[in-house]
Amino acid sequence: MKLDKLKNKKILILGLGIEGMDTLEFLIKTFPQKIIALGDKLEFNNLNPKAQKIIKKIKKLRLHLGEGYLGFLKDYDVIIKSPGISHSILKPFLTKKQIITSQTEIFFNNCPGKIIGITGTKGKSTTASLIYTILKENGIKAHLGGNIGKPVLSFLESAKPNNLYVCELSSHQLFNLKKSPHIAVFLNIYKEHLDYYDNFNQYLSAKSNILRYQKKDDYLIFNSKNKLVNKEAKKSKAKKIPIDSVRVKGLDTLLKGDFNVFNIRAAIAAARLFNIQDKDILKSIKKFKPLKHRLEYIGTYKGIKFYDDALSTIPEATIAALDALGNSVETIFLGGLDRGINFKVLAKRILKSKIKALILFPDTGGKIYKEIVGLDKDSKLRAIMVLNMKDGVKLAFEHTKKGKICLLSTASPSFSLFKDYKEKGNLFKKYVKFYGKR
């Protein structure tokens, strides 16, 4: 949506997290005389302190907070929705004339520079950060935003045609998008977010918006080995670069696992489009450190190596972590929010490993163990259910031998016991260091 079309519209920003507040600040600067409305399921006192501070500063606001906030949707022409709010919950409150848009869509339709968009069920943060790092270190004016880094509207006021904008894009941000980036990177797709979408096809459709509106002078870097991604890639009019076709000699990296080599290849493909020499690309890759909570090595305590892979929210991610670390993994943390995912393949992989102890969180910890027992009733795996991270880490020290690995890679979302993956990972680190120094 073009900014000039917002000028005379009644606008409601729905969702007052980081992105919602960034949208508010941008609109207040762009339309200083306009009264903006804000909507959120939380009451004012329960909003995060930063949101409260910003709202108190701005006089021309209309607030719809707490229970019944969706009932006010009908009063507005344009609703700018935050990614975390499912479109399905809005449907009963909308009219046909209303426009539902997002910060991502506004940025895409008004940014004068070129956009590199990265999506995939897994690997998008690492790949986006790699691309940004390589571009930045080789003299290109690049910015990192979207689902990682800054909200994208924070760039729009100073955006220039010769700048590049590297955007990590979640399915929520891509949902309903009607414009694709100049360079699209589509890494993979697995069953995820089934509590947010009506079905898997809707999730796939949202992801595919990254390539659906590309033109002949655009580029698509894609995973040709993933059947669904490959099928969707055929719909793009862009010049296509299969990630598996990318080759480079002399790769030296701190990133572990074949999946990260794949992410690196995707980043190399993007960097080459800007005529960066391989030797310079490799220099940037060599220095690049793993992102937090993504197979992050915490350290060795009491002779045990600890890895934080808190962002592993699906079985495929945990399997990839086990493949990367090998048979030294002796203890693993599993389980979290149940989104109806099948764990049979993960159970098979665990039975093939040298794992001896499972530290299990509700809700899916028991479900995963049930799959394991169903495949091997005589399994000697020790399974221990815990209700907090402190107890789990204490038990991990007791059940992991020196020289072995303890891995936090739960194959499930964090929300059964934790606020998010960051809280889960940070608590893991905290108690590893606490018990490791006792």
Protein backbone atom coordinates (compact mmCIF):
# COMPACT_ATOMS: atom_id res chain seq x y z
CA MET A 1 0.00 0.00 0.00
CA LYS A 2 1.41 3.41 -1.03
CA LEU A 3 1.80 5.96 1.78
CA ASP A 4 -0.25 8.63 0.03
CA LYS A 5 -3.27 6.29 0.16
CA LEU A 6 -3.06 6.25 3.95
CA LYS A 7 -3.28 10.00 4.25
CA ASN A 8 -7.07 10.28 4.42
CA LYS A 9 -7.82 6.87 5.92
CA LYS A 10 -8.88 5.98 9.45
CA ILE A 11 -6.05 3.73 10.65
CA LEU A 12 -5.92 1.12 13.41
CA ILE A 13 -2.63 -0.53 14.40
CA LEU A 14 -3.43 -3.99 15.75
CA GLY A 15 -0.88 -5.53 18.13
CA LEU A 16 1.41 -3.37 20.27
CA GLY A 17 4.65 -5.35 20.36
CA ILE A 18 7.95 -4.15 18.89
CA GLU A 19 6.65 -4.00 15.32
CA GLY A 20 3.35 -2.34 16.26
CA MET A 21 5.08 0.43 18.19
CA ASP A 22 7.59 0.95 15.39
CA THR A 23 4.65 1.33 12.98
CA LEU A 24 3.07 3.89 15.30
CA GLU A 25 6.24 5.99 15.52
CA PHE A 26 6.63 5.90 11.74
CA LEU A 27 3.04 6.98 11.07
CA ILE A 28 3.20 9.79 13.63
CA LYS A 29 6.29 11.20 11.87
CA THR A 30 4.72 10.74 8.42
CA PHE A 31 1.26 12.11 9.34
CA PRO A 32 1.78 14.35 12.39
CA GLN A 33 -1.81 15.67 12.34
CA LYS A 34 -3.50 12.28 12.05
CA ILE A 35 -5.22 10.53 14.95
CA ILE A 36 -4.01 6.92 15.02
CA ALA A 37 -5.91 4.16 16.80
CA LEU A 38 -4.25 1.29 18.65
CA GLY A 39 -5.73 -2.11 19.45
CA ASP A 40 -4.42 -4.94 21.62
CA LYS A 41 -5.86 -7.76 23.75
CA LEU A 42 -3.76 -6.53 26.70
CA GLU A 43 -4.85 -3.74 29.02
CA PHE A 44 -2.55 -0.69 29.14
CA ASN A 45 -0.84 -1.70 32.41
CA ASN A 46 0.04 -5.11 30.93
CA LEU A 47 1.74 -3.72 27.81
CA ASN A 48 5.52 -3.77 27.77
CA PRO A 49 7.11 -0.70 29.45
CA LYS A 50 8.47 0.68 26.16
CA ALA A 51 5.01 0.62 24.59
CA GLN A 52 3.53 2.38 27.63
CA LYS A 53 6.21 5.07 27.44
CA ILE A 54 5.63 5.74 23.73
CA ILE A 55 1.84 5.87 24.13
CA LYS A 56 2.09 8.36 27.01
CA LYS A 57 4.24 10.65 24.86
CA ILE A 58 1.80 10.83 21.95
CA LYS A 59 -1.36 12.88 22.49
CA LYS A 60 -3.35 12.09 19.31
CA LEU A 61 -4.21 8.46 19.91
CA ARG A 62 -7.36 6.40 20.25
CA LEU A 63 -6.97 3.25 22.38
CA HIS A 64 -8.92 -0.02 22.14
CA LEU A 65 -7.32 -2.27 24.73
CA GLY A 66 -8.33 -5.40 26.58
CA GLU A 67 -11.31 -7.67 26.16
CA GLY A 68 -13.53 -6.75 23.24
CA TYR A 69 -10.82 -4.84 21.37
CA LEU A 70 -11.68 -6.60 18.09
CA GLY A 71 -15.18 -5.17 18.18
CA PHE A 72 -13.77 -1.80 17.11
CA LEU A 73 -12.25 -3.07 13.86
CA LYS A 74 -15.38 -2.10 11.89
CA ASP A 75 -14.74 1.60 12.64
CA TYR A 76 -11.53 1.78 10.59
CA ASP A 77 -10.64 1.87 6.88
CA VAL A 78 -7.15 0.39 7.22
CA ILE A 79 -5.95 -2.14 9.77
CA ILE A 80 -2.17 -2.58 10.06
CA LYS A 81 -1.84 -6.01 11.64
CA SER A 82 1.16 -7.28 13.59
CA PRO A 83 2.50 -10.68 12.42
CA GLY A 84 1.58 -12.55 15.59
CA ILE A 85 -2.14 -11.96 15.17
CA SER A 86 -3.82 -14.65 13.09
CA HIS A 87 -5.97 -13.37 10.23
CA SER A 88 -8.61 -15.98 11.06
CA ILE A 89 -9.55 -14.34 14.38
CA LEU A 90 -10.22 -11.04 12.57
CA LYS A 91 -12.62 -12.41 9.93
CA PRO A 92 -15.86 -12.16 11.99
CA PHE A 93 -15.18 -8.46 12.68
CA LEU A 94 -14.28 -7.27 9.16
CA THR A 95 -16.23 -5.76 6.30
CA LYS A 96 -15.45 -6.20 2.59
CA LYS A 97 -14.37 -2.57 2.16
CA GLN A 98 -11.67 -2.66 4.83
CA ILE A 99 -8.00 -3.00 3.93
CA ILE A 100 -5.83 -5.34 5.99
CA THR A 101 -2.16 -4.59 5.57
CA SER A 102 1.12 -4.95 7.48
CA GLN A 103 4.36 -3.16 8.15
CA THR A 104 6.08 -5.51 5.70
CA GLU A 105 3.62 -4.72 2.91
CA ILE A 106 3.91 -0.95 3.46
CA PHE A 107 7.70 -1.20 3.35
CA PHE A 108 7.74 -3.36 0.22
CA ASN A 109 5.45 -0.96 -1.63
CA ASN A 110 7.34 2.21 -0.67
CA CYS A 111 11.01 1.24 -0.42
CA PRO A 112 13.12 2.84 -3.20
CA GLY A 113 16.01 0.38 -2.69
CA LYS A 114 16.26 -3.28 -3.61
CA ILE A 115 15.05 -5.93 -1.18
CA ILE A 116 16.56 -9.35 -0.52
CA GLY A 117 13.97 -11.52 1.22
CA ILE A 118 14.79 -14.77 3.00
CA THR A 119 12.27 -17.33 4.22
CA GLY A 120 12.10 -20.99 5.21
CA THR A 121 10.83 -22.95 8.17
CA LYS A 122 14.41 -23.15 9.42
CA GLY A 123 17.69 -21.39 8.65
CA LYS A 124 16.38 -17.98 7.63
CA SER A 125 17.99 -15.99 10.48
CA THR A 126 21.45 -17.45 9.88
CA THR A 127 21.17 -17.03 6.10
CA ALA A 128 19.86 -13.45 6.34
CA SER A 129 22.62 -12.51 8.80
CA LEU A 130 25.26 -14.11 6.58
CA ILE A 131 24.08 -12.26 3.49
CA TYR A 132 23.99 -8.96 5.38
CA THR A 133 27.47 -9.54 6.84
CA ILE A 134 29.03 -10.40 3.47
CA LEU A 135 27.46 -7.37 1.77
CA LYS A 136 28.37 -4.97 4.58
CA GLU A 137 31.97 -6.15 4.83
CA ASN A 138 32.41 -5.72 1.08
CA GLY A 139 31.40 -2.09 0.86
CA ILE A 140 27.71 -2.43 -0.01
CA LYS A 141 25.23 -0.23 1.85
CA ALA A 142 23.08 -2.94 3.37
CA HIS A 143 20.55 -3.03 6.22
CA LEU A 144 19.19 -6.04 8.14
CA GLY A 145 15.57 -6.14 9.28
CA GLY A 146 12.24 -7.90 9.33
CA ASN A 147 11.95 -10.92 11.58
CA ILE A 148 15.52 -10.24 12.75
CA GLY A 149 17.20 -6.92 13.51
CA LYS A 150 15.11 -3.77 13.18
CA PRO A 151 11.45 -3.57 12.11
CA VAL A 152 11.59 -2.62 8.43
CA LEU A 153 9.61 0.64 8.64
CA SER A 154 12.43 2.11 10.72
CA PHE A 155 14.47 2.15 7.48
CA LEU A 156 11.87 3.78 5.25
CA GLU A 157 12.33 7.43 6.22
CA SER A 158 16.01 7.39 5.17
CA ALA A 159 15.77 4.66 2.51
CA LYS A 160 17.76 5.33 -0.69
CA PRO A 161 17.70 3.74 -4.15
CA ASN A 162 21.31 2.58 -3.91
CA ASN A 163 20.80 0.78 -0.59
CA LEU A 164 20.00 -2.91 -0.08
CA TYR A 165 17.55 -4.21 2.49
CA VAL A 166 18.05 -7.76 3.71
CA CYS A 167 14.78 -8.94 5.23
CA GLU A 168 14.18 -12.15 7.13
CA LEU A 169 10.54 -12.94 6.44
CA SER A 170 8.36 -15.22 8.53
CA SER A 171 5.22 -16.79 7.09
CA HIS A 172 3.21 -14.33 9.22
CA GLN A 173 4.95 -11.38 7.58
CA LEU A 174 4.51 -12.88 4.11
CA PHE A 175 0.82 -13.66 4.63
CA ASN A 176 -1.34 -11.55 2.29
CA LEU A 177 1.74 -9.89 0.74
CA LYS A 178 1.17 -8.86 -2.89
CA LYS A 179 4.74 -7.96 -3.80
CA SER A 180 7.85 -10.16 -3.81
CA PRO A 181 11.47 -9.09 -3.22
CA HIS A 182 13.97 -8.50 -6.02
CA ILE A 183 16.04 -11.40 -4.68
CA ALA A 184 14.05 -14.15 -2.94
CA VAL A 185 15.72 -16.93 -0.96
CA PHE A 186 13.45 -19.90 -0.19
CA LEU A 187 15.34 -22.39 2.00
CA ASN A 188 12.85 -25.11 2.96
CA ILE A 189 9.38 -25.78 4.29
CA TYR A 190 8.21 -28.24 6.95
CA LYS A 191 5.05 -28.60 9.04
CA GLU A 192 5.02 -25.69 11.50
CA HIS A 193 2.64 -23.08 12.94
CA LEU A 194 -0.34 -25.39 12.52
CA ASP A 195 -2.03 -23.62 15.45
CA TYR A 196 -1.89 -20.31 13.54
CA TYR A 197 -3.06 -21.36 10.07
CA ASP A 198 -6.23 -23.16 9.06
CA ASN A 199 -4.10 -25.91 7.50
CA PHE A 200 -0.62 -26.64 6.12
CA ASN A 201 -1.56 -25.48 2.62
CA GLN A 202 -2.36 -22.03 3.97
CA TYR A 203 1.06 -21.94 5.63
CA LEU A 204 2.71 -23.01 2.36
CA SER A 205 0.77 -20.38 0.45
CA ALA A 206 1.92 -17.65 2.84
CA LYS A 207 5.56 -18.71 2.46
CA SER A 208 5.22 -18.80 -1.32
CA ASN A 209 4.34 -15.12 -1.48
CA ILE A 210 8.09 -14.54 -1.37
CA LEU A 211 8.26 -15.65 -5.03
CA ARG A 212 4.68 -15.43 -6.30
CA TYR A 213 4.92 -11.85 -7.60
CA GLN A 214 8.49 -11.87 -8.90
CA LYS A 215 9.28 -10.54 -12.38
CA LYS A 216 11.71 -11.59 -15.11
CA ASP A 217 14.51 -9.33 -13.87
CA ASP A 218 14.26 -10.72 -10.31
CA TYR A 219 16.19 -13.66 -8.84
CA LEU A 220 15.04 -16.75 -6.94
CA ILE A 221 17.57 -18.72 -4.88
CA PHE A 222 15.79 -21.89 -3.85
CA ASN A 223 16.04 -25.40 -2.44
CA SER A 224 15.45 -27.68 -5.40
CA LYS A 225 15.78 -30.76 -3.15
CA ASN A 226 12.71 -29.81 -1.13
CA LYS A 227 9.78 -31.06 -3.22
CA LEU A 228 7.34 -28.39 -2.09
CA VAL A 229 9.81 -25.52 -2.54
CA ASN A 230 10.79 -26.85 -5.96
CA LYS A 231 7.14 -27.05 -6.98
CA GLU A 232 6.48 -23.48 -5.85
CA ALA A 233 9.66 -22.24 -7.56
CA LYS A 234 8.20 -23.19 -10.93
CA LYS A 235 5.56 -20.48 -10.41
CA SER A 236 8.15 -17.71 -10.24
CA LYS A 237 9.07 -15.74 -13.36
CA ALA A 238 12.46 -14.86 -11.86
CA LYS A 239 15.89 -16.12 -12.87
CA LYS A 240 16.36 -19.27 -10.81
CA ILE A 241 19.44 -20.41 -8.86
CA PRO A 242 19.15 -23.83 -7.15
CA ILE A 243 21.11 -23.71 -3.89
CA ASP A 244 22.43 -27.22 -4.47
CA SER A 245 24.18 -26.00 -7.64
CA VAL A 246 26.31 -23.47 -5.73
CA ARG A 247 29.93 -24.61 -5.34
CA VAL A 248 32.83 -22.94 -3.58
CA LYS A 249 36.36 -24.09 -2.74
CA GLY A 250 38.18 -23.51 0.54
CA LEU A 251 35.17 -23.09 2.82
CA ASP A 252 36.18 -22.53 6.46
CA THR A 253 33.38 -21.86 8.92
CA LEU A 254 32.48 -21.88 12.61
CA LEU A 255 28.96 -23.07 11.73
CA LYS A 256 28.32 -26.76 12.37
CA GLY A 257 26.24 -29.18 10.32
CA ASP A 258 25.35 -29.85 6.70
CA PHE A 259 22.25 -27.66 7.08
CA ASN A 260 24.51 -24.69 7.79
CA VAL A 261 26.66 -25.48 4.76
CA PHE A 262 23.41 -25.29 2.81
CA ASN A 263 22.60 -21.90 4.37
CA ILE A 264 26.11 -20.71 3.47
CA ARG A 265 25.62 -21.76 -0.16
CA ALA A 266 22.42 -19.73 -0.30
CA ALA A 267 24.28 -16.70 1.07
CA ILE A 268 27.10 -17.18 -1.45
CA ALA A 269 24.58 -17.29 -4.30
CA ALA A 270 23.11 -13.97 -3.16
CA ALA A 271 26.53 -12.31 -2.68
CA ARG A 272 27.69 -13.35 -6.14
CA LEU A 273 24.81 -11.41 -7.68
CA PHE A 274 26.62 -8.26 -6.51
CA ASN A 275 29.93 -9.27 -8.11
CA ILE A 276 31.67 -9.94 -4.81
CA GLN A 277 34.71 -12.17 -5.32
CA ASP A 278 34.68 -15.63 -3.74
CA LYS A 279 37.86 -14.92 -1.77
CA ASP A 280 36.15 -11.93 -0.12
CA ILE A 281 32.96 -13.90 0.51
CA LEU A 282 34.98 -16.65 2.21
CA LYS A 283 36.74 -14.12 4.47
CA SER A 284 33.38 -12.93 5.78
CA ILE A 285 32.08 -16.48 6.26
CA LYS A 286 35.21 -17.52 8.18
CA LYS A 287 34.62 -14.80 10.79
CA PHE A 288 30.87 -15.33 11.09
CA LYS A 289 29.82 -16.73 14.48
CA PRO A 290 26.71 -18.88 15.11
CA LEU A 291 23.67 -16.87 16.17
CA LYS A 292 22.39 -17.25 19.72
CA HIS A 293 20.18 -20.28 20.45
CA ARG A 294 21.00 -21.90 17.09
CA LEU A 295 23.29 -24.83 17.87
CA GLU A 296 25.30 -22.41 19.97
CA TYR A 297 28.23 -23.85 21.91
CA ILE A 298 27.95 -22.61 25.50
CA GLY A 299 31.14 -24.15 26.86
CA THR A 300 32.53 -27.16 28.69
CA TYR A 301 31.56 -27.52 32.34
CA LYS A 302 32.73 -30.40 34.52
CA GLY A 303 34.04 -32.03 31.35
CA ILE A 304 30.64 -31.91 29.59
CA LYS A 305 30.05 -29.90 26.40
CA PHE A 306 26.77 -27.96 26.34
CA TYR A 307 24.94 -26.76 23.21
CA ASP A 308 21.96 -24.38 23.12
CA ASP A 309 19.68 -25.10 20.15
CA ALA A 310 16.61 -23.54 21.75
CA LEU A 311 15.17 -22.45 18.40
CA SER A 312 14.64 -26.06 17.30
CA THR A 313 10.84 -26.05 17.26
CA ILE A 314 10.30 -28.94 14.82
CA PRO A 315 11.68 -32.52 14.65
CA GLU A 316 13.68 -31.79 11.48
CA ALA A 317 15.71 -29.14 13.33
CA THR A 318 16.58 -31.50 16.18
CA ILE A 319 17.53 -34.26 13.73
CA ALA A 320 19.83 -31.79 11.95
CA ALA A 321 21.44 -30.87 15.29
CA LEU A 322 22.06 -34.54 16.10
CA ASP A 323 23.55 -35.09 12.64
CA ALA A 324 25.86 -32.10 13.18
CA LEU A 325 27.10 -33.13 16.64
CA GLY A 326 27.32 -36.88 16.03
CA ASN A 327 27.44 -39.72 18.53
CA SER A 328 28.89 -37.62 21.36
CA VAL A 329 25.40 -36.44 22.35
CA GLU A 330 24.52 -38.38 25.50
CA THR A 331 21.73 -36.23 26.98
CA ILE A 332 19.05 -34.26 25.15
CA PHE A 333 16.25 -31.92 26.24
CA LEU A 334 12.99 -32.55 24.36
CA GLY A 335 9.38 -31.37 24.43
CA GLY A 336 7.22 -28.25 24.53
CA LEU A 337 3.94 -26.96 23.15
CA ASP A 338 1.94 -29.55 21.23
CA ARG A 339 1.06 -28.36 17.72
CA GLY A 340 0.04 -31.76 16.45
CA ILE A 341 3.38 -32.64 14.83
CA ASN A 342 4.37 -36.29 14.31
CA PHE A 343 7.60 -37.37 16.06
CA LYS A 344 8.12 -40.84 14.57
CA VAL A 345 11.10 -39.87 12.38
CA LEU A 346 12.74 -38.12 15.32
CA ALA A 347 12.18 -41.19 17.51
CA LYS A 348 13.94 -43.36 14.90
CA ARG A 349 16.89 -40.94 14.79
CA ILE A 350 17.21 -40.92 18.59
CA LEU A 351 17.23 -44.73 18.68
CA LYS A 352 20.10 -44.73 16.16
CA SER A 353 22.11 -42.31 18.31
CA LYS A 354 24.21 -42.88 21.42
CA ILE A 355 21.85 -40.84 23.59
CA LYS A 356 21.31 -42.34 27.04
CA ALA A 357 19.14 -39.77 28.83
CA LEU A 358 16.10 -37.74 27.79
CA ILE A 359 15.12 -34.67 29.79
CA LEU A 360 11.47 -34.12 28.88
CA PHE A 361 9.26 -31.03 29.08
CA PRO A 362 5.47 -31.07 28.76
CA ASP A 363 3.41 -31.20 26.61
CA THR A 364 5.22 -33.19 23.90
CA GLY A 365 8.04 -34.71 25.94
CA GLY A 366 5.88 -37.70 26.87
CA LYS A 367 4.57 -37.92 23.31
CA ILE A 368 8.11 -38.18 21.91
CA TYR A 369 9.07 -40.85 24.45
CA LYS A 370 5.92 -42.82 23.62
CA GLU A 371 7.00 -42.88 19.97
CA ILE A 372 10.43 -44.19 21.01
CA VAL A 373 8.96 -46.96 23.17
CA GLY A 374 6.54 -47.84 20.40
CA LEU A 375 9.48 -48.49 18.10
CA ASP A 376 11.66 -50.25 20.70
CA LYS A 377 10.02 -51.58 23.86
CA ASP A 378 13.41 -52.75 25.14
CA SER A 379 15.04 -49.35 24.83
CA LYS A 380 17.32 -48.57 27.76
CA LEU A 381 16.94 -44.82 27.37
CA ARG A 382 16.43 -43.07 30.69
CA ALA A 383 13.47 -40.64 30.37
CA ILE A 384 12.91 -37.98 33.04
CA MET A 385 10.00 -35.52 32.98
CA VAL A 386 10.74 -32.07 34.48
CA LEU A 387 8.64 -28.94 34.95
CA ASN A 388 11.40 -26.33 34.97
CA MET A 389 14.83 -25.72 33.47
CA LYS A 390 16.71 -25.66 36.78
CA ASP A 391 15.78 -29.26 37.62
CA GLY A 392 16.45 -30.33 34.05
CA VAL A 393 19.99 -28.96 33.97
CA LYS A 394 20.81 -30.42 37.39
CA LEU A 395 19.74 -33.85 36.11
CA ALA A 396 21.72 -33.35 32.90
CA PHE A 397 24.92 -32.97 34.91
CA GLU A 398 24.10 -36.17 36.77
CA HIS A 399 23.40 -38.23 33.64
CA THR A 400 26.06 -36.99 31.21
CA LYS A 401 29.62 -38.34 31.32
CA LYS A 402 32.76 -36.27 30.89
CA GLY A 403 33.71 -35.83 27.26
CA LYS A 404 30.09 -36.14 26.12
CA ILE A 405 27.53 -33.57 24.95
CA CYS A 406 24.33 -32.29 26.52
CA LEU A 407 22.03 -30.75 23.91
CA LEU A 408 19.01 -28.47 24.32
CA SER A 409 17.06 -29.11 21.12
CA THR A 410 13.42 -29.67 22.03
CA ALA A 411 11.80 -30.30 18.60
CA SER A 412 8.82 -28.29 19.88
CA PRO A 413 7.86 -24.64 20.51
CA SER A 414 8.72 -23.25 23.93
CA PHE A 415 5.36 -21.97 25.08
CA SER A 416 4.30 -24.83 27.36
CA LEU A 417 6.70 -23.66 30.10
CA PHE A 418 8.57 -20.67 28.69
CA LYS A 419 7.72 -17.25 27.25
CA ASP A 420 9.69 -17.98 24.07
CA TYR A 421 12.83 -19.71 22.78
CA LYS A 422 15.04 -16.90 24.09
CA GLU A 423 13.84 -17.36 27.66
CA LYS A 424 14.28 -21.13 27.33
CA GLY A 425 17.80 -20.81 25.94
CA ASN A 426 18.87 -18.15 28.43
CA LEU A 427 17.63 -20.21 31.38
CA PHE A 428 19.53 -23.22 30.02
CA LYS A 429 22.74 -21.16 29.89
CA LYS A 430 22.11 -19.69 33.33
CA TYR A 431 21.75 -23.05 35.07
CA VAL A 432 24.52 -24.72 33.09
CA LYS A 433 26.90 -22.05 34.38
CA PHE A 434 25.38 -22.19 37.88
CA TYR A 435 25.77 -25.96 38.33
CA GLY A 436 28.96 -26.03 36.27
CA LYS A 437 30.79 -23.83 38.76
CA ARG A 438 29.54 -25.50 41.96
